[in-house]
Amino acid sequence: MLIEFPAAEGIAEAWVARPSAGEGPFPGVILYMDAFGLRPRIQEMAQRIADWGYVVLAPNVFYRDGTAAELAPQTEMTTPEGRAAAGKAAFPRVGRLTTDKAMPDIDAWVKALRTLDGVATGPIGTVGYCMGARLAVRTATAHPEAVAACGGFHGGGLASDAPDSPHLGLGKAKARFVFGHADHDQSMDPHAVARLGEALNAASLEASNEIYVGAPHGYSMADTAAFHPEATERHFRELRALLDGTLKG
């Protein structure tokens, strides 16, 4: 179900997925999309997570640039050429979503999740893909009392030299973290993975921080040329264990 609600600078859309069976209330989860936007593949992933027993909110974090329909990829992304063409359209939006814009939006996403019918009052989870992994980590560090679980998969820029790099805020977090990094990823190379691990350890956080060998950046996105079925299923297993272990305990 597509809904609309107030965000920091206007009305934003979000896809809401609910369990196909069972009676609530259910724990809430925020799913942050990749750079290609809120589209059928993100809806499929949100529903799969919801069917584990969660209410999932997947916001259009690029609402300032247009609606989900307006920003949907205009090319077939299952070829490398098509994926690259879609990236040329999408990546400028990623650059415009600066930290100072993302943080008040994150407050809005958490509030929106909390106000959905059937969402339990306890802790929430968050998961993000590609650039969405940065938003997931920022949500966990900005709302430590609310976020008990945080997953980041084929994320980029999680532990960079930037003064606002997400890893720098981990000392504020209380969540359990699971990271599944892409192999040979220029946006998250082994040095950055090690730096992230050091930050997690320094904050005494329970975490898994692993490179999925052979999995390219974007491996979970079945509508693109980067799709890697084995890595995708591994990420779903690890994400479910994270959410069930923290939100249903």
Protein backbone atom coordinates (compact mmCIF):
# COMPACT_ATOMS: atom_id res chain seq x y z
CA MET A 1 0.00 0.00 0.00
CA LEU A 2 1.35 3.42 -0.98
CA ILE A 3 0.75 6.16 1.59
CA GLU A 4 1.61 9.84 1.92
CA PHE A 5 2.70 11.70 5.05
CA PRO A 6 4.58 14.88 6.05
CA ALA A 7 8.38 14.82 5.80
CA ALA A 8 10.87 17.58 6.58
CA GLU A 9 10.31 19.53 3.35
CA GLY A 10 7.00 18.37 1.96
CA ILE A 11 4.77 15.37 1.50
CA ALA A 12 6.54 12.06 1.01
CA GLU A 13 5.32 8.71 -0.23
CA ALA A 14 6.13 5.36 1.34
CA TRP A 15 5.30 1.77 0.59
CA VAL A 16 3.81 -0.06 3.57
CA ALA A 17 3.95 -3.85 3.69
CA ARG A 18 2.09 -5.92 6.28
CA PRO A 19 2.16 -9.62 7.14
CA SER A 20 -0.02 -11.78 4.92
CA ALA A 21 -1.17 -13.73 7.98
CA GLY A 22 -1.29 -13.41 11.75
CA GLU A 23 -2.64 -10.91 14.21
CA GLY A 24 -0.77 -7.81 15.34
CA PRO A 25 0.56 -5.68 16.66
CA PHE A 26 3.83 -6.38 14.84
CA PRO A 27 7.27 -4.82 15.27
CA GLY A 28 8.06 -2.05 12.82
CA VAL A 29 10.91 -1.91 10.31
CA ILE A 30 12.10 0.94 8.10
CA LEU A 31 13.52 -0.21 4.74
CA TYR A 32 15.73 2.27 2.92
CA MET A 33 15.82 1.75 -0.84
CA ASP A 34 18.84 1.91 -3.12
CA ALA A 35 19.61 4.74 -5.53
CA PHE A 36 17.18 3.42 -8.15
CA GLY A 37 14.20 4.28 -6.02
CA LEU A 38 10.89 2.98 -4.75
CA ARG A 39 9.86 0.43 -7.38
CA PRO A 40 8.42 -3.10 -7.61
CA ARG A 41 11.64 -4.81 -6.47
CA ILE A 42 11.69 -2.75 -3.26
CA GLN A 43 8.03 -3.58 -2.72
CA GLU A 44 8.79 -7.29 -3.14
CA MET A 45 11.60 -7.12 -0.60
CA ALA A 46 9.45 -5.18 1.86
CA GLN A 47 6.68 -7.77 1.57
CA ARG A 48 9.08 -10.65 2.12
CA ILE A 49 10.29 -9.04 5.33
CA ALA A 50 6.71 -8.23 6.36
CA ASP A 51 5.72 -11.88 5.99
CA TRP A 52 8.24 -12.73 8.71
CA GLY A 53 5.92 -10.84 11.05
CA TYR A 54 6.71 -7.14 10.65
CA VAL A 55 5.14 -3.92 9.41
CA VAL A 56 7.59 -2.43 6.93
CA LEU A 57 7.78 1.22 5.86
CA ALA A 58 9.84 1.93 2.73
CA PRO A 59 9.95 5.72 2.21
CA ASN A 60 10.69 7.56 -1.01
CA VAL A 61 13.75 9.34 0.37
CA PHE A 62 14.04 11.33 -2.88
CA TYR A 63 10.62 12.97 -2.46
CA ARG A 64 12.18 16.40 -3.01
CA ASP A 65 12.97 15.36 -6.59
CA GLY A 66 9.60 13.83 -7.43
CA THR A 67 7.15 11.04 -6.76
CA ALA A 68 8.13 7.40 -6.84
CA ALA A 69 6.45 7.03 -10.24
CA GLU A 70 8.22 10.06 -11.66
CA LEU A 71 11.62 8.84 -10.46
CA ALA A 72 11.22 5.20 -11.48
CA PRO A 73 13.99 3.86 -13.76
CA GLN A 74 13.23 4.50 -17.41
CA THR A 75 15.52 1.79 -18.76
CA GLU A 76 15.72 -1.99 -18.45
CA MET A 77 18.37 -2.54 -15.76
CA THR A 78 19.04 -6.25 -16.25
CA THR A 79 21.90 -5.44 -18.65
CA PRO A 80 25.07 -3.65 -17.54
CA GLU A 81 24.38 -0.92 -20.06
CA GLY A 82 20.83 -0.39 -18.83
CA ARG A 83 21.90 -0.33 -15.20
CA ALA A 84 24.60 2.23 -15.99
CA ALA A 85 22.09 4.42 -17.82
CA ALA A 86 19.70 4.28 -14.88
CA GLY A 87 22.56 5.15 -12.57
CA LYS A 88 23.37 8.31 -14.50
CA ALA A 89 19.83 9.51 -13.77
CA ALA A 90 19.75 8.35 -10.16
CA PHE A 91 23.17 9.19 -8.74
CA PRO A 92 22.77 13.00 -8.81
CA ARG A 93 19.80 12.58 -6.47
CA VAL A 94 22.01 10.65 -4.07
CA GLY A 95 24.46 13.54 -3.97
CA ARG A 96 21.71 16.04 -3.25
CA LEU A 97 20.47 14.02 -0.26
CA THR A 98 23.06 15.49 2.08
CA THR A 99 23.30 14.64 5.77
CA ASP A 100 21.66 17.89 6.83
CA LYS A 101 18.63 16.97 4.69
CA ALA A 102 18.60 13.29 5.59
CA MET A 103 18.57 13.71 9.36
CA PRO A 104 15.25 15.58 9.74
CA ASP A 105 13.74 13.18 7.21
CA ILE A 106 14.86 10.25 9.38
CA ASP A 107 12.91 11.74 12.27
CA ALA A 108 9.86 11.86 9.99
CA TRP A 109 10.29 8.23 8.87
CA VAL A 110 10.50 7.02 12.49
CA LYS A 111 7.44 9.04 13.43
CA ALA A 112 5.50 7.76 10.41
CA LEU A 113 6.31 4.14 11.27
CA ARG A 114 5.22 4.65 14.86
CA THR A 115 1.85 6.06 13.78
CA LEU A 116 0.92 3.18 11.43
CA ASP A 117 -1.91 0.95 12.54
CA GLY A 118 -0.78 -2.36 13.94
CA VAL A 119 2.80 -1.37 14.80
CA ALA A 120 3.95 -2.53 18.22
CA THR A 121 5.18 0.05 20.71
CA GLY A 122 8.52 -1.69 21.33
CA PRO A 123 11.84 -1.30 19.52
CA ILE A 124 12.08 -1.02 15.75
CA GLY A 125 14.49 -2.23 13.10
CA THR A 126 16.01 -0.60 10.07
CA VAL A 127 17.67 -1.97 6.95
CA GLY A 128 19.21 -0.23 3.98
CA TYR A 129 20.67 -1.08 0.59
CA CYS A 130 23.48 0.71 -1.24
CA MET A 131 23.16 4.38 -0.23
CA GLY A 132 20.21 3.33 1.94
CA ALA A 133 22.63 1.53 4.25
CA ARG A 134 24.00 4.92 5.29
CA LEU A 135 20.49 6.05 6.16
CA ALA A 136 19.90 2.89 8.17
CA VAL A 137 23.02 3.49 10.24
CA ARG A 138 22.14 7.16 10.74
CA THR A 139 18.69 6.09 11.95
CA ALA A 140 20.24 3.76 14.52
CA THR A 141 22.62 6.45 15.77
CA ALA A 142 20.01 9.25 15.81
CA HIS A 143 17.36 7.15 17.58
CA PRO A 144 19.32 4.77 19.82
CA GLU A 145 16.44 4.24 22.24
CA ALA A 146 14.14 3.15 19.42
CA VAL A 147 16.33 1.17 17.01
CA ALA A 148 17.37 -2.29 18.23
CA ALA A 149 18.36 -3.78 14.87
CA CYS A 150 20.20 -2.32 11.90
CA GLY A 151 21.16 -4.08 8.69
CA GLY A 152 23.22 -2.69 5.83
CA PHE A 153 23.76 -4.59 2.58
CA HIS A 154 26.06 -3.68 -0.31
CA GLY A 155 26.30 -0.28 1.34
CA GLY A 156 28.65 2.45 0.21
CA GLY A 157 30.42 5.19 2.13
CA LEU A 158 29.73 3.73 5.55
CA ALA A 159 33.22 4.43 6.88
CA SER A 160 34.86 7.16 4.84
CA ASP A 161 37.17 10.09 5.58
CA ALA A 162 34.23 12.50 5.45
CA PRO A 163 33.57 14.44 8.66
CA ASP A 164 29.98 13.17 8.68
CA SER A 165 30.76 9.54 7.83
CA PRO A 166 28.09 7.29 9.37
CA HIS A 167 30.59 5.19 11.32
CA LEU A 168 31.59 8.19 13.41
CA GLY A 169 28.22 8.16 15.20
CA LEU A 170 28.27 4.52 16.24
CA GLY A 171 29.21 5.42 19.79
CA LYS A 172 25.64 6.65 20.23
CA ALA A 173 23.99 3.46 18.97
CA LYS A 174 22.56 0.59 21.00
CA ALA A 175 21.39 -1.62 18.14
CA ARG A 176 22.70 -4.94 16.93
CA PHE A 177 24.23 -4.57 13.47
CA VAL A 178 24.60 -6.88 10.48
CA PHE A 179 26.57 -5.78 7.42
CA GLY A 180 26.89 -7.79 4.23
CA HIS A 181 29.37 -5.97 2.00
CA ALA A 182 29.79 -6.46 -1.72
CA ASP A 183 33.07 -7.94 -2.94
CA HIS A 184 35.58 -5.64 -4.68
CA ASP A 185 33.32 -2.67 -4.00
CA GLN A 186 34.93 0.68 -4.78
CA SER A 187 32.41 2.43 -2.54
CA MET A 188 33.26 0.16 0.42
CA ASP A 189 36.73 -1.33 -0.01
CA PRO A 190 38.42 -3.68 2.51
CA HIS A 191 40.06 -0.75 4.28
CA ALA A 192 36.65 0.86 4.82
CA VAL A 193 35.18 -2.45 5.98
CA ALA A 194 38.01 -2.75 8.51
CA ARG A 195 37.46 0.82 9.67
CA LEU A 196 33.78 0.11 10.17
CA GLY A 197 34.63 -2.99 12.17
CA GLU A 198 36.99 -1.01 14.38
CA ALA A 199 34.25 1.56 15.06
CA LEU A 200 31.76 -1.17 15.93
CA ASN A 201 34.25 -2.76 18.31
CA ALA A 202 35.16 0.58 19.90
CA ALA A 203 31.46 1.17 20.60
CA SER A 204 31.14 -2.35 22.09
CA LEU A 205 28.31 -3.14 19.70
CA GLU A 206 27.19 -6.64 18.79
CA ALA A 207 27.76 -6.85 15.06
CA SER A 208 28.53 -8.94 12.01
CA ASN A 209 30.66 -7.15 9.41
CA GLU A 210 31.44 -9.44 6.48
CA ILE A 211 32.28 -9.29 2.80
CA TYR A 212 30.14 -11.61 0.67
CA VAL A 213 32.79 -13.17 -1.55
CA GLY A 214 31.89 -12.96 -5.23
CA ALA A 215 28.85 -10.73 -4.69
CA PRO A 216 28.87 -7.46 -6.67
CA HIS A 217 27.59 -4.10 -5.49
CA GLY A 218 23.81 -4.20 -5.72
CA TYR A 219 23.64 -7.98 -5.39
CA SER A 220 20.16 -8.06 -3.82
CA MET A 221 18.43 -6.15 -6.60
CA ALA A 222 16.80 -8.78 -8.82
CA ASP A 223 15.78 -6.18 -11.38
CA THR A 224 19.39 -5.24 -12.20
CA ALA A 225 22.43 -6.83 -13.82
CA ALA A 226 24.13 -6.98 -10.40
CA PHE A 227 21.73 -9.58 -8.98
CA HIS A 228 23.47 -12.46 -7.19
CA PRO A 229 20.92 -15.05 -6.00
CA GLU A 230 23.14 -16.79 -3.45
CA ALA A 231 24.24 -13.56 -1.79
CA THR A 232 20.65 -12.31 -1.82
CA GLU A 233 19.39 -15.38 0.02
CA ARG A 234 22.27 -15.17 2.49
CA HIS A 235 21.37 -11.56 3.24
CA PHE A 236 17.72 -12.47 3.82
CA ARG A 237 18.73 -15.24 6.24
CA GLU A 238 21.03 -12.96 8.19
CA LEU A 239 18.53 -10.10 8.20
CA ARG A 240 15.74 -12.35 9.48
CA ALA A 241 17.97 -13.69 12.26
CA LEU A 242 18.84 -10.10 13.21
CA LEU A 243 15.24 -8.89 13.30
CA ASP A 244 13.79 -11.94 15.00
CA GLY A 245 16.57 -11.98 17.57
CA THR A 246 16.16 -8.35 18.56
CA LEU A 247 12.52 -7.42 17.92
CA LYS A 248 10.79 -10.65 18.91
CA GLY A 249 12.90 -11.64 21.91
